[in-house]
């Protein structure tokens, strides 16, 4: 397992734990908040055009019923491999 993948999985576990510790009235909006933060970070990291391609690949996965697991990672770009 690459260091980047290991770090990603660790970050996902930490974020999941942090969401569980939020007040109940904030948990229902946590996913949307995380999506906004993630989208901004991806755009800053790879630019708008590549972020659009990455999110399109994510949309394809979701459209086909393949939800990314909280404990793993779905490779959407060469950066995740």
Protein backbone atom coordinates (compact mmCIF):
# COMPACT_ATOMS: atom_id res chain seq x y z
CA UNK A 1 0.00 0.00 0.00
CA UNK A 2 1.38 3.36 -0.96
CA UNK A 3 1.99 6.01 1.70
CA UNK A 4 -0.53 8.29 -0.01
CA UNK A 5 -3.27 5.63 0.09
CA UNK A 6 -2.44 4.83 3.73
CA UNK A 7 -2.62 8.54 4.58
CA UNK A 8 -5.93 8.85 2.72
CA UNK A 9 -7.46 5.94 4.62
CA UNK A 10 -6.22 7.36 7.92
CA UNK A 11 -7.69 10.77 7.07
CA UNK A 12 -11.03 9.17 6.22
CA UNK A 13 -11.11 7.33 9.57
CA UNK A 14 -10.28 10.54 11.44
CA UNK A 15 -12.94 12.51 9.56
CA UNK A 16 -15.57 9.80 10.17
CA UNK A 17 -14.76 9.86 13.88
CA UNK A 18 -14.93 13.66 13.94
CA UNK A 19 -18.34 13.65 12.22
CA UNK A 20 -19.64 11.20 14.83
CA UNK A 21 -18.56 13.62 17.57
CA UNK A 22 -20.46 16.57 16.07
CA UNK A 23 -23.66 17.75 17.75
CA UNK A 24 -26.62 15.81 16.33
CA UNK A 25 -28.11 18.89 14.68
CA UNK A 26 -24.89 19.33 12.65
CA UNK A 27 -24.43 15.72 11.51
CA UNK A 28 -27.11 15.91 8.84
CA UNK A 29 -25.24 18.70 7.05
CA UNK A 30 -21.75 17.27 7.65
CA UNK A 31 -21.67 15.41 4.33
CA UNK A 32 -22.54 18.55 2.38
CA UNK A 33 -19.95 20.56 4.31
CA UNK A 34 -17.28 17.91 3.64
CA UNK A 35 -18.23 17.80 -0.05
CA UNK A 36 -17.81 21.57 -0.33
CA UNK A 37 -14.42 21.45 1.42
CA UNK A 38 -13.28 18.50 -0.71
CA UNK A 39 -14.41 20.12 -3.96
CA UNK A 40 -12.53 23.31 -3.14
CA UNK A 41 -9.40 21.35 -2.20
CA UNK A 42 -9.49 19.29 -5.40
CA UNK A 43 -9.93 22.40 -7.55
CA UNK A 44 -6.99 24.07 -5.78
CA UNK A 45 -4.88 20.93 -6.20
CA UNK A 46 -5.55 20.07 -9.85
CA UNK A 47 -7.47 23.00 -11.34
CA UNK A 48 -11.06 23.33 -12.51
CA UNK A 49 -10.83 21.25 -15.69
CA UNK A 50 -9.21 18.20 -14.07
CA UNK A 51 -11.48 18.51 -11.01
CA UNK A 52 -14.45 18.41 -13.37
CA UNK A 53 -13.12 15.21 -14.93
CA UNK A 54 -12.53 13.66 -11.49
CA UNK A 55 -16.03 14.56 -10.31
CA UNK A 56 -17.49 13.23 -13.57
CA UNK A 57 -15.79 9.87 -12.91
CA UNK A 58 -17.24 9.94 -9.37
CA UNK A 59 -20.67 10.67 -10.84
CA UNK A 60 -20.27 7.66 -13.15
CA UNK A 61 -19.45 5.43 -10.16
CA UNK A 62 -22.48 6.70 -8.24
CA UNK A 63 -24.77 6.42 -11.26
CA UNK A 64 -23.80 2.74 -11.53
CA UNK A 65 -24.61 2.21 -7.83
CA UNK A 66 -21.01 1.94 -6.66
CA UNK A 67 -20.78 4.06 -3.53
CA UNK A 68 -17.23 4.72 -2.32
CA UNK A 69 -16.70 2.98 1.01
CA UNK A 70 -15.79 5.12 4.02
CA UNK A 71 -13.04 2.63 4.87
CA UNK A 72 -11.45 2.48 1.43
CA UNK A 73 -10.72 4.58 -1.60
CA UNK A 74 -12.02 4.69 -5.14
CA UNK A 75 -9.31 5.67 -7.58
CA UNK A 76 -10.60 8.56 -9.66
CA UNK A 77 -7.27 9.90 -10.86
CA UNK A 78 -3.63 8.95 -11.12
CA UNK A 79 -3.03 10.93 -7.94
CA UNK A 80 -4.89 8.31 -5.86
CA UNK A 81 -2.93 5.34 -7.15
